[in-house]
N, C-alpha and C. Protein backbone atom coordinates (compact mmCIF):
# COMPACT_ATOMS: atom_id res chain seq x y z
N UNK A 1 0.62 8.90 -17.38
CA UNK A 1 0.80 7.75 -16.51
C UNK A 1 0.53 6.46 -17.30
N UNK A 2 1.52 5.61 -17.42
CA UNK A 2 1.39 4.34 -18.14
C UNK A 2 1.11 3.22 -17.14
N UNK A 3 0.06 2.44 -17.39
CA UNK A 3 -0.45 1.48 -16.42
C UNK A 3 -0.55 0.09 -17.03
N UNK A 4 -0.11 -0.92 -16.27
CA UNK A 4 -0.36 -2.33 -16.59
C UNK A 4 -1.30 -2.89 -15.53
N UNK A 5 -2.34 -3.59 -15.97
CA UNK A 5 -3.29 -4.24 -15.06
C UNK A 5 -3.10 -5.75 -15.15
N UNK A 6 -3.01 -6.42 -13.99
CA UNK A 6 -2.96 -7.88 -13.93
C UNK A 6 -4.10 -8.36 -13.04
N UNK A 7 -5.14 -8.89 -13.65
CA UNK A 7 -6.36 -9.31 -12.94
C UNK A 7 -7.02 -10.42 -13.74
N UNK A 8 -7.26 -11.58 -13.10
CA UNK A 8 -7.80 -12.71 -13.86
C UNK A 8 -9.31 -12.66 -14.04
N UNK A 9 -10.02 -11.84 -13.28
CA UNK A 9 -11.45 -11.66 -13.47
C UNK A 9 -11.67 -10.73 -14.67
N UNK A 10 -12.22 -11.24 -15.77
CA UNK A 10 -12.31 -10.39 -16.97
C UNK A 10 -13.19 -9.16 -16.79
N UNK A 11 -14.25 -9.28 -15.99
CA UNK A 11 -15.12 -8.12 -15.79
C UNK A 11 -14.40 -7.01 -15.03
N UNK A 12 -13.70 -7.39 -13.96
CA UNK A 12 -12.97 -6.38 -13.19
C UNK A 12 -11.82 -5.82 -14.01
N UNK A 13 -11.13 -6.69 -14.74
CA UNK A 13 -9.99 -6.23 -15.55
C UNK A 13 -10.44 -5.18 -16.58
N UNK A 14 -11.50 -5.51 -17.31
CA UNK A 14 -11.97 -4.57 -18.32
C UNK A 14 -12.60 -3.33 -17.69
N UNK A 15 -13.28 -3.53 -16.54
CA UNK A 15 -13.85 -2.39 -15.84
C UNK A 15 -12.80 -1.41 -15.38
N UNK A 16 -11.70 -1.94 -14.84
CA UNK A 16 -10.59 -1.08 -14.42
C UNK A 16 -10.01 -0.32 -15.61
N UNK A 17 -9.82 -1.03 -16.72
CA UNK A 17 -9.25 -0.39 -17.89
C UNK A 17 -10.15 0.75 -18.39
N UNK A 18 -11.46 0.50 -18.43
CA UNK A 18 -12.40 1.53 -18.88
C UNK A 18 -12.38 2.73 -17.93
N UNK A 19 -12.37 2.44 -16.61
CA UNK A 19 -12.36 3.52 -15.63
C UNK A 19 -11.13 4.39 -15.79
N UNK A 20 -9.98 3.77 -15.93
CA UNK A 20 -8.73 4.52 -16.01
C UNK A 20 -8.63 5.29 -17.32
N UNK A 21 -9.07 4.68 -18.39
CA UNK A 21 -9.02 5.37 -19.68
C UNK A 21 -9.98 6.56 -19.69
N UNK A 22 -11.11 6.43 -18.98
CA UNK A 22 -12.05 7.54 -18.89
C UNK A 22 -11.43 8.72 -18.15
N UNK A 23 -10.40 8.44 -17.33
CA UNK A 23 -9.68 9.50 -16.62
C UNK A 23 -8.46 9.98 -17.41
N UNK A 24 -8.42 9.61 -18.68
CA UNK A 24 -7.33 10.01 -19.58
C UNK A 24 -5.98 9.42 -19.17
N UNK A 25 -6.02 8.23 -18.53
CA UNK A 25 -4.80 7.53 -18.16
C UNK A 25 -4.51 6.45 -19.20
N UNK A 26 -3.24 6.14 -19.40
CA UNK A 26 -2.81 5.26 -20.48
C UNK A 26 -2.64 3.83 -19.97
N UNK A 27 -3.65 2.99 -20.21
CA UNK A 27 -3.55 1.56 -19.87
C UNK A 27 -2.88 0.86 -21.04
N UNK A 28 -1.62 0.49 -20.87
CA UNK A 28 -0.84 -0.07 -21.98
C UNK A 28 -1.01 -1.57 -22.11
N UNK A 29 -1.49 -2.24 -21.04
CA UNK A 29 -1.74 -3.68 -21.10
C UNK A 29 -2.67 -4.07 -19.96
N UNK A 30 -3.55 -5.03 -20.24
CA UNK A 30 -4.45 -5.60 -19.23
C UNK A 30 -4.42 -7.11 -19.42
N UNK A 31 -3.80 -7.82 -18.47
CA UNK A 31 -3.52 -9.25 -18.64
C UNK A 31 -4.16 -10.05 -17.51
N UNK A 32 -4.15 -11.40 -17.68
CA UNK A 32 -4.89 -12.25 -16.74
C UNK A 32 -4.03 -13.21 -15.93
N UNK A 33 -2.71 -13.05 -15.95
CA UNK A 33 -1.86 -13.96 -15.20
C UNK A 33 -0.49 -13.39 -14.93
N UNK A 34 0.26 -14.02 -14.01
CA UNK A 34 1.55 -13.47 -13.60
C UNK A 34 2.60 -13.45 -14.70
N UNK A 35 2.66 -14.49 -15.54
CA UNK A 35 3.67 -14.50 -16.60
C UNK A 35 3.41 -13.40 -17.61
N UNK A 36 2.14 -13.25 -18.00
CA UNK A 36 1.80 -12.19 -18.95
C UNK A 36 2.05 -10.81 -18.33
N UNK A 37 1.84 -10.71 -17.02
CA UNK A 37 2.10 -9.44 -16.33
C UNK A 37 3.57 -9.06 -16.41
N UNK A 38 4.46 -10.00 -16.08
CA UNK A 38 5.89 -9.70 -16.11
C UNK A 38 6.35 -9.38 -17.53
N UNK A 39 5.78 -10.09 -18.52
CA UNK A 39 6.12 -9.80 -19.90
C UNK A 39 5.69 -8.39 -20.29
N UNK A 40 4.50 -7.98 -19.81
CA UNK A 40 4.00 -6.63 -20.11
C UNK A 40 4.86 -5.56 -19.46
N UNK A 41 5.32 -5.82 -18.23
CA UNK A 41 6.20 -4.87 -17.53
C UNK A 41 7.50 -4.71 -18.31
N UNK A 42 8.06 -5.83 -18.77
CA UNK A 42 9.31 -5.77 -19.53
C UNK A 42 9.13 -5.03 -20.86
N UNK A 43 7.97 -5.24 -21.50
CA UNK A 43 7.74 -4.66 -22.82
C UNK A 43 7.37 -3.19 -22.76
N UNK A 44 6.50 -2.81 -21.81
CA UNK A 44 5.91 -1.48 -21.85
C UNK A 44 6.53 -0.47 -20.88
N UNK A 45 7.32 -0.93 -19.92
CA UNK A 45 7.94 -0.03 -18.94
C UNK A 45 6.91 0.91 -18.31
N UNK A 46 5.90 0.36 -17.65
CA UNK A 46 4.84 1.21 -17.09
C UNK A 46 5.33 2.01 -15.88
N UNK A 47 4.57 3.05 -15.55
CA UNK A 47 4.83 3.81 -14.32
C UNK A 47 4.26 3.09 -13.11
N UNK A 48 3.14 2.37 -13.31
CA UNK A 48 2.46 1.72 -12.20
C UNK A 48 1.81 0.43 -12.68
N UNK A 49 1.80 -0.57 -11.80
CA UNK A 49 1.11 -1.83 -12.07
C UNK A 49 0.00 -2.01 -11.04
N UNK A 50 -1.17 -2.40 -11.50
CA UNK A 50 -2.29 -2.74 -10.62
C UNK A 50 -2.42 -4.26 -10.67
N UNK A 51 -2.21 -4.92 -9.53
CA UNK A 51 -2.03 -6.37 -9.52
C UNK A 51 -2.97 -7.03 -8.51
N UNK A 52 -3.67 -8.07 -8.97
CA UNK A 52 -4.49 -8.89 -8.07
C UNK A 52 -3.59 -9.82 -7.27
N UNK A 53 -3.89 -9.99 -5.98
CA UNK A 53 -3.10 -10.90 -5.14
C UNK A 53 -3.20 -12.33 -5.64
N UNK A 54 -4.41 -12.80 -5.90
CA UNK A 54 -4.65 -14.21 -6.22
C UNK A 54 -4.91 -14.36 -7.71
N UNK A 55 -3.96 -15.03 -8.38
CA UNK A 55 -4.08 -15.27 -9.82
C UNK A 55 -3.74 -16.72 -10.13
N UNK A 56 -4.04 -17.17 -11.36
CA UNK A 56 -3.70 -18.55 -11.74
C UNK A 56 -2.20 -18.79 -11.64
N UNK A 57 -1.77 -20.06 -11.45
CA UNK A 57 -2.63 -21.24 -11.51
C UNK A 57 -3.26 -21.66 -10.17
N UNK A 58 -2.70 -21.25 -9.04
CA UNK A 58 -3.19 -21.76 -7.75
C UNK A 58 -4.11 -20.79 -7.03
N UNK A 59 -4.14 -19.53 -7.49
CA UNK A 59 -4.96 -18.49 -6.85
C UNK A 59 -4.62 -18.34 -5.37
N UNK A 60 -3.33 -18.32 -5.07
CA UNK A 60 -2.89 -18.07 -3.69
C UNK A 60 -2.13 -16.74 -3.65
N UNK A 61 -0.82 -16.79 -3.94
CA UNK A 61 -0.02 -15.56 -3.83
C UNK A 61 0.71 -15.21 -5.12
N UNK A 62 0.24 -15.73 -6.26
CA UNK A 62 0.94 -15.47 -7.52
C UNK A 62 1.11 -13.98 -7.82
N UNK A 63 0.09 -13.20 -7.49
CA UNK A 63 0.18 -11.77 -7.76
C UNK A 63 1.27 -11.10 -6.96
N UNK A 64 1.37 -11.47 -5.67
CA UNK A 64 2.42 -10.88 -4.82
C UNK A 64 3.80 -11.30 -5.31
N UNK A 65 3.96 -12.59 -5.63
CA UNK A 65 5.25 -13.07 -6.13
C UNK A 65 5.64 -12.32 -7.40
N UNK A 66 4.66 -12.14 -8.30
CA UNK A 66 4.94 -11.42 -9.54
C UNK A 66 5.25 -9.96 -9.28
N UNK A 67 4.55 -9.33 -8.34
CA UNK A 67 4.80 -7.92 -8.03
C UNK A 67 6.20 -7.74 -7.45
N UNK A 68 6.61 -8.65 -6.57
CA UNK A 68 7.96 -8.58 -6.00
C UNK A 68 9.01 -8.74 -7.10
N UNK A 69 8.77 -9.67 -8.03
CA UNK A 69 9.71 -9.87 -9.13
C UNK A 69 9.75 -8.65 -10.05
N UNK A 70 8.58 -8.06 -10.31
CA UNK A 70 8.54 -6.86 -11.15
C UNK A 70 9.32 -5.73 -10.51
N UNK A 71 9.20 -5.60 -9.19
CA UNK A 71 9.96 -4.55 -8.48
C UNK A 71 11.45 -4.86 -8.49
N UNK A 72 11.81 -6.14 -8.48
CA UNK A 72 13.23 -6.49 -8.56
C UNK A 72 13.79 -6.06 -9.92
N UNK A 73 13.01 -6.28 -10.96
CA UNK A 73 13.46 -5.91 -12.30
C UNK A 73 13.45 -4.40 -12.52
N UNK A 74 12.43 -3.75 -11.94
CA UNK A 74 12.28 -2.31 -12.13
C UNK A 74 11.98 -1.67 -10.77
N UNK A 75 13.00 -1.34 -9.99
CA UNK A 75 12.80 -0.82 -8.63
C UNK A 75 11.97 0.45 -8.57
N UNK A 76 11.88 1.19 -9.67
CA UNK A 76 11.10 2.43 -9.66
C UNK A 76 9.63 2.21 -9.99
N UNK A 77 9.22 0.97 -10.23
CA UNK A 77 7.84 0.67 -10.58
C UNK A 77 6.93 0.86 -9.38
N UNK A 78 5.88 1.66 -9.55
CA UNK A 78 4.86 1.76 -8.51
C UNK A 78 3.91 0.57 -8.64
N UNK A 79 3.48 0.03 -7.51
CA UNK A 79 2.60 -1.15 -7.51
C UNK A 79 1.41 -0.91 -6.59
N UNK A 80 0.22 -1.11 -7.13
CA UNK A 80 -1.01 -1.04 -6.34
C UNK A 80 -1.63 -2.42 -6.36
N UNK A 81 -1.59 -3.11 -5.21
CA UNK A 81 -2.10 -4.48 -5.09
C UNK A 81 -3.58 -4.45 -4.70
N UNK A 82 -4.36 -5.30 -5.34
CA UNK A 82 -5.78 -5.42 -5.03
C UNK A 82 -6.06 -6.81 -4.47
N UNK A 83 -6.93 -6.88 -3.47
CA UNK A 83 -7.29 -8.16 -2.86
C UNK A 83 -8.76 -8.14 -2.46
N UNK A 84 -9.40 -9.31 -2.54
CA UNK A 84 -10.80 -9.41 -2.10
C UNK A 84 -10.90 -9.49 -0.59
N UNK A 85 -9.80 -9.83 0.08
CA UNK A 85 -9.80 -10.03 1.53
C UNK A 85 -8.62 -9.30 2.16
N UNK A 86 -8.69 -9.11 3.47
CA UNK A 86 -7.57 -8.53 4.21
C UNK A 86 -6.51 -9.59 4.39
N UNK A 87 -5.35 -9.39 3.77
CA UNK A 87 -4.25 -10.34 3.85
C UNK A 87 -2.99 -9.55 4.18
N UNK A 88 -2.88 -9.16 5.46
CA UNK A 88 -1.79 -8.25 5.81
C UNK A 88 -0.41 -8.87 5.66
N UNK A 89 -0.32 -10.22 5.65
CA UNK A 89 0.98 -10.85 5.42
C UNK A 89 1.52 -10.45 4.06
N UNK A 90 0.64 -10.39 3.07
CA UNK A 90 1.07 -10.02 1.74
C UNK A 90 1.47 -8.54 1.69
N UNK A 91 0.72 -7.69 2.38
CA UNK A 91 1.08 -6.27 2.42
C UNK A 91 2.45 -6.10 3.05
N UNK A 92 2.71 -6.81 4.14
CA UNK A 92 4.00 -6.71 4.81
C UNK A 92 5.12 -7.21 3.92
N UNK A 93 4.87 -8.31 3.20
CA UNK A 93 5.88 -8.87 2.30
C UNK A 93 6.30 -7.85 1.25
N UNK A 94 5.35 -7.17 0.67
CA UNK A 94 5.69 -6.16 -0.33
C UNK A 94 6.43 -4.99 0.30
N UNK A 95 5.91 -4.48 1.41
CA UNK A 95 6.49 -3.28 2.01
C UNK A 95 7.90 -3.50 2.49
N UNK A 96 8.18 -4.67 3.07
CA UNK A 96 9.51 -4.91 3.61
C UNK A 96 10.55 -5.07 2.51
N UNK A 97 10.11 -5.27 1.27
CA UNK A 97 11.04 -5.39 0.15
C UNK A 97 11.24 -4.06 -0.57
N UNK A 98 10.66 -3.01 -0.05
CA UNK A 98 10.82 -1.71 -0.68
C UNK A 98 9.57 -0.90 -0.42
N UNK A 99 9.65 0.01 0.55
CA UNK A 99 8.42 0.53 1.14
C UNK A 99 7.92 1.84 0.55
N UNK A 100 8.35 2.19 -0.64
CA UNK A 100 7.80 3.37 -1.28
C UNK A 100 7.14 2.97 -2.59
N UNK A 101 6.24 3.84 -3.08
CA UNK A 101 5.54 3.60 -4.33
C UNK A 101 4.75 2.30 -4.31
N UNK A 102 4.11 2.03 -3.15
CA UNK A 102 3.34 0.80 -2.99
C UNK A 102 1.98 1.07 -2.36
N UNK A 103 0.98 0.33 -2.84
CA UNK A 103 -0.35 0.43 -2.26
C UNK A 103 -0.98 -0.94 -2.11
N UNK A 104 -1.89 -1.06 -1.16
CA UNK A 104 -2.59 -2.33 -0.92
C UNK A 104 -4.04 -1.98 -0.59
N UNK A 105 -4.95 -2.30 -1.52
CA UNK A 105 -6.35 -1.94 -1.36
C UNK A 105 -7.25 -3.17 -1.50
N UNK A 106 -8.38 -3.14 -0.80
CA UNK A 106 -9.41 -4.13 -1.04
C UNK A 106 -10.12 -3.79 -2.35
N UNK A 107 -10.57 -4.82 -3.05
CA UNK A 107 -11.18 -4.60 -4.36
C UNK A 107 -12.44 -3.74 -4.26
N UNK A 108 -13.13 -3.82 -3.14
CA UNK A 108 -14.35 -3.02 -3.00
C UNK A 108 -14.04 -1.53 -3.07
N UNK A 109 -12.77 -1.16 -2.83
CA UNK A 109 -12.38 0.25 -2.86
C UNK A 109 -12.40 0.79 -4.29
N UNK A 110 -12.31 -0.11 -5.29
CA UNK A 110 -12.31 0.34 -6.68
C UNK A 110 -13.63 1.04 -7.01
N UNK A 111 -14.72 0.57 -6.40
CA UNK A 111 -16.02 1.18 -6.65
C UNK A 111 -16.13 2.58 -6.08
N UNK A 112 -15.27 2.93 -5.16
CA UNK A 112 -15.21 4.29 -4.62
C UNK A 112 -14.16 5.03 -5.43
N UNK A 113 -14.57 5.50 -6.58
CA UNK A 113 -13.63 5.92 -7.63
C UNK A 113 -12.66 6.98 -7.13
N UNK A 114 -13.15 7.96 -6.41
CA UNK A 114 -12.27 9.04 -5.96
C UNK A 114 -11.18 8.50 -5.04
N UNK A 115 -11.53 7.61 -4.10
CA UNK A 115 -10.54 7.03 -3.20
C UNK A 115 -9.54 6.17 -3.96
N UNK A 116 -10.06 5.39 -4.91
CA UNK A 116 -9.18 4.53 -5.70
C UNK A 116 -8.17 5.35 -6.49
N UNK A 117 -8.64 6.37 -7.17
CA UNK A 117 -7.74 7.21 -7.97
C UNK A 117 -6.75 7.96 -7.09
N UNK A 118 -7.21 8.39 -5.91
CA UNK A 118 -6.30 9.06 -4.98
C UNK A 118 -5.17 8.12 -4.57
N UNK A 119 -5.51 6.86 -4.27
CA UNK A 119 -4.48 5.88 -3.90
C UNK A 119 -3.53 5.63 -5.06
N UNK A 120 -4.07 5.53 -6.27
CA UNK A 120 -3.23 5.30 -7.44
C UNK A 120 -2.23 6.43 -7.64
N UNK A 121 -2.71 7.67 -7.58
CA UNK A 121 -1.81 8.80 -7.76
C UNK A 121 -0.79 8.89 -6.62
N UNK A 122 -1.22 8.51 -5.42
CA UNK A 122 -0.32 8.60 -4.27
C UNK A 122 0.87 7.67 -4.44
N UNK A 123 0.64 6.43 -4.89
CA UNK A 123 1.77 5.51 -5.05
C UNK A 123 2.65 5.92 -6.22
N UNK A 124 2.05 6.44 -7.29
CA UNK A 124 2.85 6.89 -8.42
C UNK A 124 3.73 8.07 -8.02
N UNK A 125 3.24 8.89 -7.10
CA UNK A 125 4.00 10.05 -6.64
C UNK A 125 5.05 9.70 -5.59
N UNK A 126 5.18 8.40 -5.27
CA UNK A 126 6.23 7.97 -4.35
C UNK A 126 5.78 7.63 -2.95
N UNK A 127 4.48 7.64 -2.69
CA UNK A 127 3.98 7.35 -1.35
C UNK A 127 3.48 5.93 -1.19
N UNK A 128 2.73 5.72 -0.12
CA UNK A 128 2.09 4.43 0.13
C UNK A 128 0.60 4.65 0.32
N UNK A 129 -0.18 3.60 0.09
CA UNK A 129 -1.62 3.67 0.27
C UNK A 129 -2.11 2.31 0.77
N UNK A 130 -2.40 2.23 2.05
CA UNK A 130 -2.85 0.97 2.65
C UNK A 130 -4.31 1.12 3.02
N UNK A 131 -5.12 0.12 2.64
CA UNK A 131 -6.56 0.19 2.85
C UNK A 131 -6.90 0.40 4.32
N UNK A 132 -7.82 1.33 4.62
CA UNK A 132 -8.21 1.56 6.01
C UNK A 132 -8.72 0.31 6.71
N UNK A 133 -9.37 -0.61 5.99
CA UNK A 133 -9.87 -1.83 6.62
C UNK A 133 -8.74 -2.75 7.05
N UNK A 134 -7.63 -2.75 6.31
CA UNK A 134 -6.45 -3.52 6.73
C UNK A 134 -5.90 -2.94 8.02
N UNK A 135 -5.78 -1.62 8.05
CA UNK A 135 -5.27 -0.95 9.25
C UNK A 135 -6.19 -1.22 10.43
N UNK A 136 -7.50 -1.17 10.22
CA UNK A 136 -8.46 -1.39 11.31
C UNK A 136 -8.30 -2.78 11.90
N UNK A 137 -8.06 -3.79 11.06
CA UNK A 137 -7.87 -5.15 11.58
C UNK A 137 -6.58 -5.26 12.38
N UNK A 138 -5.55 -4.54 11.95
CA UNK A 138 -4.30 -4.58 12.73
C UNK A 138 -4.51 -4.00 14.12
N UNK A 139 -5.35 -2.96 14.20
CA UNK A 139 -5.57 -2.31 15.48
C UNK A 139 -6.33 -3.17 16.47
N UNK A 140 -7.08 -4.17 15.99
CA UNK A 140 -7.92 -4.96 16.89
C UNK A 140 -7.13 -6.03 17.64
N UNK A 141 -5.86 -6.23 17.26
CA UNK A 141 -5.06 -7.28 17.90
C UNK A 141 -4.15 -6.66 18.95
N UNK A 142 -3.87 -7.42 19.99
CA UNK A 142 -3.02 -6.94 21.08
C UNK A 142 -1.86 -7.90 21.29
N UNK A 143 -0.74 -7.39 21.76
CA UNK A 143 0.44 -8.21 22.04
C UNK A 143 1.17 -7.59 23.22
N UNK A 144 1.38 -8.36 24.31
CA UNK A 144 1.94 -7.77 25.53
C UNK A 144 3.36 -7.26 25.38
N UNK A 145 4.13 -7.79 24.42
CA UNK A 145 5.52 -7.39 24.30
C UNK A 145 5.74 -6.43 23.13
N UNK A 146 4.68 -5.88 22.61
CA UNK A 146 4.80 -5.05 21.42
C UNK A 146 5.62 -3.79 21.70
N UNK A 147 6.49 -3.48 20.77
CA UNK A 147 7.23 -2.23 20.85
C UNK A 147 6.29 -1.03 20.79
N UNK A 148 5.16 -1.24 20.15
CA UNK A 148 4.20 -0.15 20.01
C UNK A 148 3.49 0.17 21.32
N UNK A 149 3.66 -0.66 22.32
CA UNK A 149 3.03 -0.37 23.61
C UNK A 149 3.58 0.92 24.23
N UNK A 150 4.72 1.39 23.74
CA UNK A 150 5.27 2.65 24.24
C UNK A 150 4.40 3.84 23.83
N UNK A 151 3.60 3.67 22.80
CA UNK A 151 2.84 4.79 22.25
C UNK A 151 1.58 5.04 23.05
N UNK A 152 1.20 6.31 23.13
CA UNK A 152 -0.07 6.68 23.75
C UNK A 152 -1.21 6.33 22.79
N UNK A 153 -2.45 6.27 23.30
CA UNK A 153 -3.59 6.00 22.40
C UNK A 153 -3.66 6.97 21.23
N UNK A 154 -3.42 8.24 21.46
CA UNK A 154 -3.49 9.22 20.38
C UNK A 154 -2.36 9.00 19.38
N UNK A 155 -1.17 8.64 19.87
CA UNK A 155 -0.06 8.36 18.97
C UNK A 155 -0.35 7.14 18.10
N UNK A 156 -1.04 6.15 18.69
CA UNK A 156 -1.43 4.98 17.89
C UNK A 156 -2.45 5.38 16.83
N UNK A 157 -3.35 6.28 17.18
CA UNK A 157 -4.31 6.78 16.19
C UNK A 157 -3.58 7.44 15.02
N UNK A 158 -2.61 8.28 15.35
CA UNK A 158 -1.84 8.97 14.31
C UNK A 158 -1.09 7.97 13.44
N UNK A 159 -0.46 6.98 14.06
CA UNK A 159 0.29 5.99 13.31
C UNK A 159 -0.63 5.15 12.42
N UNK A 160 -1.82 4.84 12.91
CA UNK A 160 -2.78 4.08 12.12
C UNK A 160 -3.16 4.82 10.85
N UNK A 161 -3.41 6.12 10.96
CA UNK A 161 -3.75 6.90 9.77
C UNK A 161 -2.52 7.08 8.88
N UNK A 162 -1.36 7.24 9.50
CA UNK A 162 -0.12 7.32 8.73
C UNK A 162 0.08 6.06 7.91
N UNK A 163 -0.32 4.90 8.47
CA UNK A 163 -0.16 3.63 7.77
C UNK A 163 -0.99 3.57 6.50
N UNK A 164 -2.04 4.36 6.42
CA UNK A 164 -2.82 4.43 5.19
C UNK A 164 -2.10 5.22 4.11
N UNK A 165 -1.04 5.92 4.49
CA UNK A 165 -0.27 6.69 3.52
C UNK A 165 -0.59 8.16 3.49
N UNK A 166 -1.37 8.65 4.47
CA UNK A 166 -1.78 10.05 4.46
C UNK A 166 -0.69 10.96 5.03
N UNK A 167 -0.65 12.19 4.52
CA UNK A 167 0.28 13.19 5.01
C UNK A 167 -0.26 13.89 6.24
N UNK A 168 0.54 14.82 6.78
CA UNK A 168 0.18 15.47 8.04
C UNK A 168 -1.15 16.22 7.96
N UNK A 169 -1.38 16.93 6.87
CA UNK A 169 -2.62 17.71 6.75
C UNK A 169 -3.83 16.80 6.74
N UNK A 170 -3.74 15.69 6.00
CA UNK A 170 -4.86 14.75 5.93
C UNK A 170 -5.06 14.04 7.27
N UNK A 171 -3.98 13.73 7.98
CA UNK A 171 -4.10 13.13 9.30
C UNK A 171 -4.81 14.09 10.25
N UNK A 172 -4.42 15.35 10.20
CA UNK A 172 -5.04 16.35 11.07
C UNK A 172 -6.53 16.46 10.78
N UNK A 173 -6.90 16.45 9.51
CA UNK A 173 -8.32 16.53 9.14
C UNK A 173 -9.08 15.29 9.62
N UNK A 174 -8.49 14.12 9.45
CA UNK A 174 -9.15 12.88 9.86
C UNK A 174 -9.38 12.84 11.37
N UNK A 175 -8.38 13.26 12.14
CA UNK A 175 -8.45 13.15 13.60
C UNK A 175 -8.97 14.42 14.27
N UNK A 176 -9.27 15.43 13.45
CA UNK A 176 -9.81 16.70 13.94
C UNK A 176 -8.86 17.32 14.98
N UNK A 177 -7.61 17.46 14.58
CA UNK A 177 -6.60 18.13 15.40
C UNK A 177 -5.82 19.07 14.48
N UNK A 178 -4.93 19.85 15.06
CA UNK A 178 -4.13 20.76 14.25
C UNK A 178 -2.94 20.03 13.63
N UNK A 179 -2.40 20.60 12.55
CA UNK A 179 -1.20 20.02 11.96
C UNK A 179 -0.03 20.06 12.94
N UNK A 180 0.01 21.11 13.75
CA UNK A 180 1.06 21.19 14.75
C UNK A 180 1.01 20.03 15.72
N UNK A 181 -0.21 19.66 16.14
CA UNK A 181 -0.36 18.53 17.06
C UNK A 181 0.08 17.23 16.39
N UNK A 182 -0.27 17.07 15.11
CA UNK A 182 0.15 15.88 14.38
C UNK A 182 1.66 15.81 14.31
N UNK A 183 2.29 16.93 14.00
CA UNK A 183 3.75 16.96 13.92
C UNK A 183 4.39 16.54 15.25
N UNK A 184 3.85 17.03 16.36
CA UNK A 184 4.38 16.66 17.69
C UNK A 184 4.19 15.18 17.96
N UNK A 185 3.01 14.65 17.61
CA UNK A 185 2.76 13.22 17.84
C UNK A 185 3.72 12.37 17.00
N UNK A 186 3.93 12.76 15.75
CA UNK A 186 4.81 11.98 14.89
C UNK A 186 6.24 12.02 15.40
N UNK A 187 6.67 13.19 15.87
CA UNK A 187 8.03 13.30 16.44
C UNK A 187 8.15 12.40 17.66
N UNK A 188 7.10 12.33 18.48
CA UNK A 188 7.12 11.46 19.66
C UNK A 188 7.13 9.98 19.24
N UNK A 189 6.37 9.65 18.20
CA UNK A 189 6.35 8.27 17.70
C UNK A 189 7.74 7.85 17.26
N UNK A 190 8.41 8.71 16.49
CA UNK A 190 9.77 8.38 16.04
C UNK A 190 10.69 8.14 17.23
N UNK A 191 10.58 8.98 18.25
CA UNK A 191 11.43 8.82 19.42
C UNK A 191 11.15 7.52 20.15
N UNK A 192 9.87 7.19 20.36
CA UNK A 192 9.53 5.97 21.11
C UNK A 192 9.85 4.70 20.33
N UNK A 193 9.89 4.80 19.00
CA UNK A 193 10.25 3.63 18.18
C UNK A 193 11.73 3.61 17.84
N UNK A 194 12.49 4.53 18.47
CA UNK A 194 13.95 4.59 18.28
C UNK A 194 14.32 4.81 16.81
N UNK A 195 13.57 5.67 16.13
CA UNK A 195 13.84 5.97 14.73
C UNK A 195 14.56 7.31 14.64
N UNK A 196 15.87 7.24 14.69
CA UNK A 196 16.68 8.46 14.63
C UNK A 196 16.74 8.97 13.20
N UNK A 197 16.81 10.29 13.00
CA UNK A 197 16.89 10.83 11.64
C UNK A 197 18.22 10.46 10.99
N UNK A 198 18.14 9.96 9.76
CA UNK A 198 19.34 9.69 8.96
C UNK A 198 19.05 10.12 7.54
N UNK A 199 20.11 10.17 6.74
CA UNK A 199 19.94 10.56 5.34
C UNK A 199 19.36 9.42 4.51
N UNK A 200 19.41 8.19 5.02
CA UNK A 200 19.03 7.04 4.21
C UNK A 200 17.69 6.43 4.60
N UNK A 201 17.11 6.85 5.69
CA UNK A 201 15.91 6.19 6.19
C UNK A 201 14.72 7.13 6.17
N UNK A 202 13.62 6.71 5.56
CA UNK A 202 12.36 7.42 5.63
C UNK A 202 11.68 6.98 6.92
N UNK A 203 11.67 7.85 7.92
CA UNK A 203 11.17 7.45 9.24
C UNK A 203 9.67 7.18 9.23
N UNK A 204 8.93 7.85 8.38
CA UNK A 204 7.49 7.56 8.29
C UNK A 204 7.28 6.13 7.82
N UNK A 205 8.01 5.74 6.78
CA UNK A 205 7.90 4.38 6.27
C UNK A 205 8.36 3.38 7.31
N UNK A 206 9.46 3.69 8.00
CA UNK A 206 9.98 2.78 9.02
C UNK A 206 8.97 2.58 10.14
N UNK A 207 8.29 3.66 10.55
CA UNK A 207 7.28 3.56 11.60
C UNK A 207 6.12 2.67 11.16
N UNK A 208 5.68 2.85 9.92
CA UNK A 208 4.59 2.02 9.39
C UNK A 208 5.01 0.56 9.33
N UNK A 209 6.27 0.30 8.94
CA UNK A 209 6.75 -1.07 8.89
C UNK A 209 6.77 -1.70 10.27
N UNK A 210 7.18 -0.95 11.29
CA UNK A 210 7.08 -1.46 12.66
C UNK A 210 5.65 -1.87 12.97
N UNK A 211 4.74 -1.04 12.56
CA UNK A 211 3.31 -1.25 12.82
C UNK A 211 2.83 -2.53 12.14
N UNK A 212 3.16 -2.70 10.85
CA UNK A 212 2.72 -3.86 10.10
C UNK A 212 3.43 -5.14 10.54
N UNK A 213 4.74 -5.03 10.78
CA UNK A 213 5.49 -6.21 11.17
C UNK A 213 5.05 -6.71 12.55
N UNK A 214 4.74 -5.77 13.46
CA UNK A 214 4.24 -6.16 14.77
C UNK A 214 2.91 -6.90 14.63
N UNK A 215 2.04 -6.39 13.76
CA UNK A 215 0.75 -7.05 13.54
C UNK A 215 0.95 -8.43 12.96
N UNK A 216 1.92 -8.58 12.05
CA UNK A 216 2.17 -9.89 11.44
C UNK A 216 2.67 -10.89 12.48
N UNK A 217 3.51 -10.46 13.42
CA UNK A 217 3.99 -11.37 14.47
C UNK A 217 2.86 -11.86 15.35
N UNK A 218 1.79 -11.08 15.46
CA UNK A 218 0.68 -11.43 16.34
C UNK A 218 -0.30 -12.41 15.70
N UNK A 219 -0.11 -12.69 14.41
CA UNK A 219 -1.07 -13.58 13.73
C UNK A 219 -0.99 -14.99 14.27
C-alpha cells in the first residue's frame, strides 16, 4: 500500500508516517500543503492519500479542494480525510463527487490505532469509512419533510451504522441482531428510499448519500 500524507502539523504528520511505517506500509511522501500534495500524487501514484481538511494558506477547505482535484486526476485514488472538528459539509462534498474509496475521520481517531488502520484498509479496499461522531451529530437533527422520515427507528439505526462504512456482519454485531435481520432492514431501507437495483448504482452508497445530503440541508 503506497500512501501520501498531507498534514500541516509537523508532529501529526511525522507521527502518522511513523505509525504507518511501523505497520509495514509504504509512506512515499509526507507534505504540509495542498500544492505539494497534488505534486506528490502526480509523482508517486499512491493507492491512498491521508489529507487534513484545513491546510495553508487560509486553513479553511484547502484539503478538501485538493482531495477533490486529486480524485479528478486519479479517480481510483482512495482518500482518507482527517479533521479536528465535525464538518459534515466537507464529507458530503467529497462523497457526492464519487462515493467509493473515501473516508472521513476525526483526528482523535488516529490515536485509536486499530480503528484508524481499519478505516484506512476499508477505503483502500473500495469502501467508505465515516467517523461515528459525524454520524451521531447527523442523527441529532430533525427535519419535518425529510425523505428519511419513511424509515422506522430501527431502520435509521441500521442506516446510521451503514453510514460509517460497516458491512452487514459488523452492523449485526453493533446492533446485537442477526445478519438476516440486517439484510431485511437494508432491503426495506432501499425500498423506502426508492433505490431500485441497477447495474450502475451502489444502493448502499446511495442510501448513505441520502442520509448525508438530508443532514446537510438541515444545517
